[in-house]
PDB file of N, CA and C in Angstrom:
ATOM      1  N   UNK A   1       5.771  -4.932 -16.812  1.00  0.00           N
ATOM      2  CA  UNK A   1       4.299  -4.678 -17.096  1.00  0.00           C
ATOM      3  C   UNK A   1       3.687  -4.528 -15.728  1.00  0.00           C
ATOM      4  N   UNK A   2       2.784  -3.541 -15.686  1.00  0.00           N
ATOM      5  CA  UNK A   2       1.975  -3.217 -14.553  1.00  0.00           C
ATOM      6  C   UNK A   2       0.480  -3.339 -14.786  1.00  0.00           C
ATOM      7  N   UNK A   3      -0.165  -3.985 -13.855  1.00  0.00           N
ATOM      8  CA  UNK A   3      -1.597  -4.051 -14.086  1.00  0.00           C
ATOM      9  C   UNK A   3      -2.426  -4.182 -12.739  1.00  0.00           C
ATOM     10  N   UNK A   4      -3.690  -3.669 -12.831  1.00  0.00           N
ATOM     11  CA  UNK A   4      -4.573  -3.649 -11.627  1.00  0.00           C
ATOM     12  C   UNK A   4      -5.515  -4.832 -11.706  1.00  0.00           C
ATOM     13  N   UNK A   5      -5.682  -5.487 -10.536  1.00  0.00           N
ATOM     14  CA  UNK A   5      -6.665  -6.628 -10.499  1.00  0.00           C
ATOM     15  C   UNK A   5      -7.601  -6.332  -9.435  1.00  0.00           C
ATOM     16  N   UNK A   6      -8.854  -6.575  -9.879  1.00  0.00           N
ATOM     17  CA  UNK A   6     -10.011  -6.395  -8.771  1.00  0.00           C
ATOM     18  C   UNK A   6     -10.832  -7.634  -8.743  1.00  0.00           C
ATOM     19  N   UNK A   7     -11.229  -7.994  -7.636  1.00  0.00           N
ATOM     20  CA  UNK A   7     -12.257  -9.107  -7.449  1.00  0.00           C
ATOM     21  C   UNK A   7     -12.625  -9.317  -6.034  1.00  0.00           C
ATOM     22  N   UNK A   8     -13.870  -9.519  -5.551  1.00  0.00           N
ATOM     23  CA  UNK A   8     -14.302  -9.748  -4.251  1.00  0.00           C
ATOM     24  C   UNK A   8     -13.766  -8.535  -3.349  1.00  0.00           C
ATOM     25  N   UNK A   9     -13.910  -7.331  -3.779  1.00  0.00           N
ATOM     26  CA  UNK A   9     -13.572  -6.138  -3.120  1.00  0.00           C
ATOM     27  C   UNK A   9     -12.197  -6.081  -2.709  1.00  0.00           C
ATOM     28  N   UNK A  10     -11.278  -6.792  -3.276  1.00  0.00           N
ATOM     29  CA  UNK A  10      -9.874  -6.627  -3.151  1.00  0.00           C
ATOM     30  C   UNK A  10      -9.292  -6.196  -4.468  1.00  0.00           C
ATOM     31  N   UNK A  11      -8.434  -5.025  -4.415  1.00  0.00           N
ATOM     32  CA  UNK A  11      -7.854  -4.522  -5.406  1.00  0.00           C
ATOM     33  C   UNK A  11      -6.270  -4.784  -5.355  1.00  0.00           C
ATOM     34  N   UNK A  12      -5.693  -5.203  -6.258  1.00  0.00           N
ATOM     35  CA  UNK A  12      -4.193  -5.522  -6.306  1.00  0.00           C
ATOM     36  C   UNK A  12      -3.363  -4.659  -7.350  1.00  0.00           C
ATOM     37  N   UNK A  13      -2.245  -4.133  -6.976  1.00  0.00           N
ATOM     38  CA  UNK A  13      -1.399  -3.658  -8.220  1.00  0.00           C
ATOM     39  C   UNK A  13      -0.256  -4.710  -8.348  1.00  0.00           C
ATOM     40  N   UNK A  14      -0.049  -5.119  -9.580  1.00  0.00           N
ATOM     41  CA  UNK A  14       0.848  -6.429  -9.730  1.00  0.00           C
ATOM     42  C   UNK A  14       1.736  -5.881 -10.687  1.00  0.00           C
ATOM     43  N   UNK A  15       3.165  -5.989 -10.428  1.00  0.00           N
ATOM     44  CA  UNK A  15       4.134  -5.672 -11.154  1.00  0.00           C
ATOM     45  C   UNK A  15       4.942  -6.902 -11.631  1.00  0.00           C
ATOM     46  N   UNK A  16       4.752  -7.115 -12.833  1.00  0.00           N
ATOM     47  CA  UNK A  16       5.502  -8.284 -13.438  1.00  0.00           C
ATOM     48  C   UNK A  16       7.019  -8.114 -13.875  1.00  0.00           C
ATOM     49  N   UNK A  17       7.805  -8.982 -13.579  1.00  0.00           N
ATOM     50  CA  UNK A  17       9.146  -8.833 -13.926  1.00  0.00           C
ATOM     51  C   UNK A  17       9.738  -7.557 -13.388  1.00  0.00           C
ATOM     52  N   UNK A  18       9.751  -7.337 -12.059  1.00  0.00           N
ATOM     53  CA  UNK A  18      10.130  -6.042 -11.523  1.00  0.00           C
ATOM     54  C   UNK A  18      11.701  -5.693 -11.877  1.00  0.00           C
ATOM     55  N   UNK A  19      11.953  -4.660 -11.821  1.00  0.00           N
ATOM     56  CA  UNK A  19      13.328  -3.765 -12.307  1.00  0.00           C
ATOM     57  C   UNK A  19      13.628  -2.871 -11.027  1.00  0.00           C
ATOM     58  N   UNK A  20      14.930  -2.698 -10.744  1.00  0.00           N
ATOM     59  CA  UNK A  20      15.327  -1.774  -9.835  1.00  0.00           C
ATOM     60  C   UNK A  20      14.515  -0.367  -9.833  1.00  0.00           C
ATOM     61  N   UNK A  21      14.243   0.046 -10.963  1.00  0.00           N
ATOM     62  CA  UNK A  21      13.572   1.248 -11.310  1.00  0.00           C
ATOM     63  C   UNK A  21      12.178   1.266 -10.799  1.00  0.00           C
ATOM     64  N   UNK A  22      11.650   0.035 -10.421  1.00  0.00           N
ATOM     65  CA  UNK A  22      10.239   0.055  -9.942  1.00  0.00           C
ATOM     66  C   UNK A  22      10.257   0.345  -8.535  1.00  0.00           C
ATOM     67  N   UNK A  23      11.356   0.384  -7.840  1.00  0.00           N
ATOM     68  CA  UNK A  23      11.318   0.625  -6.213  1.00  0.00           C
ATOM     69  C   UNK A  23      10.736   2.086  -6.195  1.00  0.00           C
ATOM     70  N   UNK A  24       9.988   2.178  -5.173  1.00  0.00           N
ATOM     71  CA  UNK A  24       9.432   3.451  -4.813  1.00  0.00           C
ATOM     72  C   UNK A  24       8.271   3.343  -3.872  1.00  0.00           C
ATOM     73  N   UNK A  25       7.431   4.475  -3.666  1.00  0.00           N
ATOM     74  CA  UNK A  25       6.334   4.453  -2.860  1.00  0.00           C
ATOM     75  C   UNK A  25       5.100   4.397  -3.545  1.00  0.00           C
ATOM     76  N   UNK A  26       4.104   3.782  -3.142  1.00  0.00           N
ATOM     77  CA  UNK A  26       2.808   3.437  -3.840  1.00  0.00           C
ATOM     78  C   UNK A  26       1.827   4.005  -2.838  1.00  0.00           C
ATOM     79  N   UNK A  27       0.876   4.703  -3.239  1.00  0.00           N
ATOM     80  CA  UNK A  27      -0.177   5.102  -2.350  1.00  0.00           C
ATOM     81  C   UNK A  27      -1.604   4.666  -2.869  1.00  0.00           C
ATOM     82  N   UNK A  28      -2.435   4.121  -2.112  1.00  0.00           N
ATOM     83  CA  UNK A  28      -3.845   3.779  -2.568  1.00  0.00           C
ATOM     84  C   UNK A  28      -4.846   4.822  -1.873  1.00  0.00           C
ATOM     85  N   UNK A  29      -5.479   5.374  -2.639  1.00  0.00           N
ATOM     86  CA  UNK A  29      -6.599   6.353  -2.114  1.00  0.00           C
ATOM     87  C   UNK A  29      -7.991   5.862  -2.348  1.00  0.00           C
ATOM     88  N   UNK A  30      -8.972   5.670  -1.301  1.00  0.00           N
ATOM     89  CA  UNK A  30     -10.039   5.360  -1.418  1.00  0.00           C
ATOM     90  C   UNK A  30     -11.137   6.361  -0.942  1.00  0.00           C
ATOM     91  N   UNK A  31     -12.061   6.958  -1.646  1.00  0.00           N
ATOM     92  CA  UNK A  31     -12.956   8.023  -1.378  1.00  0.00           C
ATOM     93  C   UNK A  31     -14.394   7.715  -1.569  1.00  0.00           C
ATOM     94  N   UNK A  32     -15.265   8.103  -0.502  1.00  0.00           N
ATOM     95  CA  UNK A  32     -16.855   8.049  -0.787  1.00  0.00           C
ATOM     96  C   UNK A  32     -17.142   9.067  -0.061  1.00  0.00           C
ATOM     97  N   UNK A  33     -18.680   9.291  -0.068  1.00  0.00           N
ATOM     98  CA  UNK A  33     -19.287  10.327   0.680  1.00  0.00           C
ATOM     99  C   UNK A  33     -18.958  10.594   2.267  1.00  0.00           C
ATOM    100  N   UNK A  34     -18.274   9.447   2.873  1.00  0.00           N
ATOM    101  CA  UNK A  34     -18.025   9.589   4.192  1.00  0.00           C
ATOM    102  C   UNK A  34     -16.731  10.039   4.520  1.00  0.00           C
ATOM    103  N   UNK A  35     -15.883  10.161   3.271  1.00  0.00           N
ATOM    104  CA  UNK A  35     -14.612  10.517   3.477  1.00  0.00           C
ATOM    105  C   UNK A  35     -13.506  10.109   2.619  1.00  0.00           C
ATOM    106  N   UNK A  36     -12.312   9.870   3.256  1.00  0.00           N
ATOM    107  CA  UNK A  36     -11.265   9.160   2.431  1.00  0.00           C
ATOM    108  C   UNK A  36     -10.362   8.455   3.290  1.00  0.00           C
ATOM    109  N   UNK A  37      -9.648   7.351   2.765  1.00  0.00           N
ATOM    110  CA  UNK A  37      -8.740   6.580   3.522  1.00  0.00           C
ATOM    111  C   UNK A  37      -7.481   6.417   2.585  1.00  0.00           C
ATOM    112  N   UNK A  38      -6.383   6.417   2.887  1.00  0.00           N
ATOM    113  CA  UNK A  38      -5.210   6.285   2.163  1.00  0.00           C
ATOM    114  C   UNK A  38      -4.312   5.263   2.850  1.00  0.00           C
ATOM    115  N   UNK A  39      -3.459   4.360   1.943  1.00  0.00           N
ATOM    116  CA  UNK A  39      -2.530   3.309   2.687  1.00  0.00           C
ATOM    117  C   UNK A  39      -1.183   3.563   1.514  1.00  0.00           C
ATOM    118  N   UNK A  40      -0.129   3.711   2.216  1.00  0.00           N
ATOM    119  CA  UNK A  40       0.944   3.862   1.275  1.00  0.00           C
ATOM    120  C   UNK A  40       1.947   2.662   1.677  1.00  0.00           C
ATOM    121  N   UNK A  41       2.458   2.111   0.539  1.00  0.00           N
ATOM    122  CA  UNK A  41       3.627   1.178   0.766  1.00  0.00           C
ATOM    123  C   UNK A  41       4.809   1.305   0.014  1.00  0.00           C
ATOM    124  N   UNK A  42       5.864   0.993   0.757  1.00  0.00           N
ATOM    125  CA  UNK A  42       7.264   1.243  -0.107  1.00  0.00           C
ATOM    126  C   UNK A  42       7.628  -0.129  -0.600  1.00  0.00           C
ATOM    127  N   UNK A  43       7.932  -0.071  -1.881  1.00  0.00           N
ATOM    128  CA  UNK A  43       8.549  -1.288  -2.611  1.00  0.00           C
ATOM    129  C   UNK A  43       9.927  -1.101  -2.870  1.00  0.00           C
ATOM    130  N   UNK A  44      10.723  -2.085  -2.516  1.00  0.00           N
ATOM    131  CA  UNK A  44      12.142  -2.216  -2.568  1.00  0.00           C
ATOM    132  C   UNK A  44      12.513  -3.376  -3.449  1.00  0.00           C
ATOM    133  N   UNK A  45      13.000  -3.224  -4.586  1.00  0.00           N
ATOM    134  CA  UNK A  45      13.553  -4.101  -5.507  1.00  0.00           C
ATOM    135  C   UNK A  45      15.047  -4.209  -5.311  1.00  0.00           C
ATOM    136  N   UNK A  46      15.566  -5.490  -4.996  1.00  0.00           N
ATOM    137  CA  UNK A  46      16.924  -5.804  -4.905  1.00  0.00           C
ATOM    138  C   UNK A  46      17.444  -6.452  -5.923  1.00  0.00           C
ATOM    139  N   UNK A  47      18.830  -6.270  -6.206  1.00  0.00           N
ATOM    140  CA  UNK A  47      19.340  -6.910  -7.435  1.00  0.00           C
ATOM    141  C   UNK A  47      19.313  -8.476  -7.333  1.00  0.00           C
ATOM    142  N   UNK A  48      19.265  -9.080  -8.452  1.00  0.00           N
ATOM    143  CA  UNK A  48      18.972 -10.551  -8.419  1.00  0.00           C
ATOM    144  C   UNK A  48      20.131 -11.280  -7.783  1.00  0.00           C
ATOM    145  N   UNK A  49      20.062 -12.198  -6.968  1.00  0.00           N
ATOM    146  CA  UNK A  49      20.926 -13.020  -6.208  1.00  0.00           C
ATOM    147  C   UNK A  49      21.108 -12.442  -4.897  1.00  0.00           C
ATOM    148  N   UNK A  50      20.498 -11.180  -4.515  1.00  0.00           N
ATOM    149  CA  UNK A  50      20.622 -10.881  -3.103  1.00  0.00           C
ATOM    150  C   UNK A  50      19.546 -11.324  -2.321  1.00  0.00           C
ATOM    151  N   UNK A  51      19.768 -11.596  -1.015  1.00  0.00           N
ATOM    152  CA  UNK A  51      18.742 -11.903  -0.243  1.00  0.00           C
ATOM    153  C   UNK A  51      17.491 -10.861   0.004  1.00  0.00           C
ATOM    154  N   UNK A  52      16.561 -11.260   0.432  1.00  0.00           N
ATOM    155  CA  UNK A  52      15.406 -10.207   0.627  1.00  0.00           C
ATOM    156  C   UNK A  52      15.526  -9.411   1.855  1.00  0.00           C
ATOM    157  N   UNK A  53      16.460  -9.906   2.905  1.00  0.00           N
ATOM    158  CA  UNK A  53      16.773  -8.952   4.002  1.00  0.00           C
ATOM    159  C   UNK A  53      15.384  -9.034   5.017  1.00  0.00           C
ATOM    160  N   UNK A  54      15.544  -8.431   6.111  1.00  0.00           N
ATOM    161  CA  UNK A  54      14.352  -8.321   6.915  1.00  0.00           C
ATOM    162  C   UNK A  54      13.712  -6.964   6.788  1.00  0.00           C
ATOM    163  N   UNK A  55      12.391  -6.773   7.059  1.00  0.00           N
ATOM    164  CA  UNK A  55      11.797  -5.631   6.931  1.00  0.00           C
ATOM    165  C   UNK A  55      10.503  -5.557   7.740  1.00  0.00           C
ATOM    166  N   UNK A  56       9.901  -4.472   8.100  1.00  0.00           N
ATOM    167  CA  UNK A  56       8.777  -4.261   8.691  1.00  0.00           C
ATOM    168  C   UNK A  56       7.767  -3.499   7.755  1.00  0.00           C
ATOM    169  N   UNK A  57       6.585  -4.057   7.829  1.00  0.00           N
ATOM    170  CA  UNK A  57       5.561  -3.465   6.969  1.00  0.00           C
ATOM    171  C   UNK A  57       4.603  -2.539   7.889  1.00  0.00           C
ATOM    172  N   UNK A  58       4.679  -1.169   7.464  1.00  0.00           N
ATOM    173  CA  UNK A  58       3.963  -0.293   8.271  1.00  0.00           C
ATOM    174  C   UNK A  58       2.903   0.265   7.367  1.00  0.00           C
ATOM    175  N   UNK A  59       1.759   0.432   7.962  1.00  0.00           N
ATOM    176  CA  UNK A  59       0.649   0.759   7.293  1.00  0.00           C
ATOM    177  C   UNK A  59      -0.049   2.016   8.182  1.00  0.00           C
ATOM    178  N   UNK A  60      -0.198   2.960   7.246  1.00  0.00           N
ATOM    179  CA  UNK A  60      -0.887   4.106   7.783  1.00  0.00           C
ATOM    180  C   UNK A  60      -2.211   4.455   7.066  1.00  0.00           C
ATOM    181  N   UNK A  61      -3.317   4.556   7.867  1.00  0.00           N
ATOM    182  CA  UNK A  61      -4.750   4.761   7.305  1.00  0.00           C
ATOM    183  C   UNK A  61      -5.189   6.101   7.827  1.00  0.00           C
ATOM    184  N   UNK A  62      -5.385   6.969   6.881  1.00  0.00           N
ATOM    185  CA  UNK A  62      -6.340   8.289   7.392  1.00  0.00           C
ATOM    186  C   UNK A  62      -7.392   8.509   6.810  1.00  0.00           C
ATOM    187  N   UNK A  63      -8.458   8.699   7.865  1.00  0.00           N
ATOM    188  CA  UNK A  63      -9.861   8.866   7.356  1.00  0.00           C
ATOM    189  C   UNK A  63     -10.134  10.213   7.831  1.00  0.00           C
ATOM    190  N   UNK A  64     -11.079  10.817   6.965  1.00  0.00           N
ATOM    191  CA  UNK A  64     -11.446  12.223   7.148  1.00  0.00           C
ATOM    192  C   UNK A  64     -12.933  12.069   6.903  1.00  0.00           C
ATOM    193  N   UNK A  65     -13.739  12.643   7.870  1.00  0.00           N
ATOM    194  CA  UNK A  65     -15.182  12.812   7.861  1.00  0.00           C
ATOM    195  C   UNK A  65     -15.520  14.190   8.166  1.00  0.00           C
ATOM    196  N   UNK A  66     -16.621  14.640   7.479  1.00  0.00           N
ATOM    197  CA  UNK A  66     -17.133  15.978   7.616  1.00  0.00           C
ATOM    198  C   UNK A  66     -18.699  15.927   7.478  1.00  0.00           C
ATOM    199  N   UNK A  67     -19.331  16.508   8.672  1.00  0.00           N
ATOM    200  CA  UNK A  67     -20.670  16.825   8.797  1.00  0.00           C
ATOM    201  C   UNK A  67     -20.879  18.232   8.209  1.00  0.00           C
ATOM    202  N   UNK A  68     -21.844  18.347   7.478  1.00  0.00           N
ATOM    203  CA  UNK A  68     -22.273  19.766   6.843  1.00  0.00           C
ATOM    204  C   UNK A  68     -22.290  20.751   7.857  1.00  0.00           C
ATOM    205  N   UNK A  69     -21.666  21.882   7.646  1.00  0.00           N
ATOM    206  CA  UNK A  69     -21.550  22.975   8.655  1.00  0.00           C
ATOM    207  C   UNK A  69     -20.621  22.858   9.686  1.00  0.00           C
ATOM    208  N   UNK A  70     -19.807  21.686   9.722  1.00  0.00           N
ATOM    209  CA  UNK A  70     -18.835  21.466  10.872  1.00  0.00           C
ATOM    210  C   UNK A  70     -17.448  21.337  10.251  1.00  0.00           C
ATOM    211  N   UNK A  71     -16.539  21.281  11.130  1.00  0.00           N
ATOM    212  CA  UNK A  71     -15.049  21.080  10.705  1.00  0.00           C
ATOM    213  C   UNK A  71     -14.871  19.766  10.588  1.00  0.00           C
ATOM    214  N   UNK A  72     -14.072  19.289   9.560  1.00  0.00           N
ATOM    215  CA  UNK A  72     -13.732  17.963   9.228  1.00  0.00           C
ATOM    216  C   UNK A  72     -12.985  17.251  10.588  1.00  0.00           C
ATOM    217  N   UNK A  73     -13.125  16.028  10.741  1.00  0.00           N
ATOM    218  CA  UNK A  73     -12.440  15.318  11.818  1.00  0.00           C
ATOM    219  C   UNK A  73     -11.597  14.376  11.048  1.00  0.00           C
ATOM    220  N   UNK A  74     -10.221  14.381  11.308  1.00  0.00           N
ATOM    221  CA  UNK A  74      -9.399  13.368  10.781  1.00  0.00           C
ATOM    222  C   UNK A  74      -8.812  12.366  11.697  1.00  0.00           C
ATOM    223  N   UNK A  75      -8.906  11.087  11.336  1.00  0.00           N
ATOM    224  CA  UNK A  75      -8.420   9.924  12.408  1.00  0.00           C
ATOM    225  C   UNK A  75      -7.214   9.281  11.724  1.00  0.00           C
ATOM    226  N   UNK A  76      -6.256   9.085  12.333  1.00  0.00           N
ATOM    227  CA  UNK A  76      -4.962   8.347  11.702  1.00  0.00           C
ATOM    228  C   UNK A  76      -4.567   7.170  12.493  1.00  0.00           C
ATOM    229  N   UNK A  77      -4.657   5.979  11.853  1.00  0.00           N
ATOM    230  CA  UNK A  77      -4.075   4.799  12.601  1.00  0.00           C
ATOM    231  C   UNK A  77      -2.910   4.117  12.006  1.00  0.00           C
ATOM    232  N   UNK A  78      -2.128   3.554  12.643  1.00  0.00           N
ATOM    233  CA  UNK A  78      -0.881   2.920  12.267  1.00  0.00           C
ATOM    234  C   UNK A  78      -0.887   1.505  12.638  1.00  0.00           C
ATOM    235  N   UNK A  79      -0.366   0.529  11.832  1.00  0.00           N
ATOM    236  CA  UNK A  79      -0.148  -0.748  12.218  1.00  0.00           C
ATOM    237  C   UNK A  79       1.374  -1.054  11.673  1.00  0.00           C
ATOM    238  N   UNK A  80       2.161  -1.892  12.516  1.00  0.00           N
ATOM    239  CA  UNK A  80       3.409  -2.258  12.303  1.00  0.00           C
ATOM    240  C   UNK A  80       3.559  -3.741  12.323  1.00  0.00           C
ATOM    241  N   UNK A  81       3.922  -4.457  11.197  1.00  0.00           N
ATOM    242  CA  UNK A  81       4.059  -5.894  11.202  1.00  0.00           C
ATOM    243  C   UNK A  81       5.274  -6.253  10.753  1.00  0.00           C
ATOM    244  N   UNK A  82       5.837  -7.368  11.130  1.00  0.00           N
ATOM    245  CA  UNK A  82       6.954  -8.055  10.609  1.00  0.00           C
ATOM    246  C   UNK A  82       6.565  -9.324  10.208  1.00  0.00           C
ATOM    247  N   UNK A  83       6.184  -9.487   8.852  1.00  0.00           N
ATOM    248  CA  UNK A  83       5.527 -10.677   8.034  1.00  0.00           C
ATOM    249  C   UNK A  83       6.674 -11.569   7.872  1.00  0.00           C
ATOM    250  N   UNK A  84       6.266 -12.682   7.742  1.00  0.00           N
ATOM    251  CA  UNK A  84       7.268 -13.861   7.216  1.00  0.00           C
ATOM    252  C   UNK A  84       7.672 -13.611   5.740  1.00  0.00           C
ATOM    253  N   UNK A  85       9.022 -13.658   5.422  1.00  0.00           N
ATOM    254  CA  UNK A  85       9.426 -13.619   4.060  1.00  0.00           C
ATOM    255  C   UNK A  85       8.775 -14.440   2.979  1.00  0.00           C
ATOM    256  N   UNK A  86       8.328 -14.044   1.947  1.00  0.00           N
ATOM    257  CA  UNK A  86       7.917 -14.780   1.056  1.00  0.00           C
ATOM    258  C   UNK A  86       8.491 -14.494  -0.320  1.00  0.00           C
ATOM    259  N   UNK A  87       8.691 -15.399  -1.181  1.00  0.00           N
ATOM    260  CA  UNK A  87       9.168 -15.044  -2.397  1.00  0.00           C
ATOM    261  C   UNK A  87       8.388 -15.822  -3.720  1.00  0.00           C
ATOM    262  N   UNK A  88       8.448 -15.252  -4.792  1.00  0.00           N
ATOM    263  CA  UNK A  88       7.553 -15.688  -5.907  1.00  0.00           C
ATOM    264  C   UNK A  88       8.434 -15.601  -7.025  1.00  0.00           C
ATOM    265  N   UNK A  89       8.380 -16.570  -8.005  1.00  0.00           N
ATOM    266  CA  UNK A  89       9.055 -16.534  -9.306  1.00  0.00           C
ATOM    267  C   UNK A  89       7.902 -16.104 -10.154  1.00  0.00           C
ATOM    268  N   UNK A  90       7.755 -15.036 -10.925  1.00  0.00           N
ATOM    269  CA  UNK A  90       6.857 -14.831 -11.973  1.00  0.00           C
ATOM    270  C   UNK A  90       7.439 -14.960 -13.404  1.00  0.00           C
TER     271      UNK A  90
END
């Protein structure tokens, strides 16, 4: 089961009872009159009983702005984190 949750300006994609087939890349796109921003995350689902392994969380945010009559300006920023491991049983 997959559902979206929204509250206090935070939007979440929640996948309950994940399966190996749920692994993949997920992209969030936010757009308004000032431009757009994207953030992409890779979800890796491992078989039951295997450890989570170590990983890095890489976030890429791209913003594009355009003033009428001018060329669009695109800015890209990356962050790389090595967050502590967390596990949850749903």
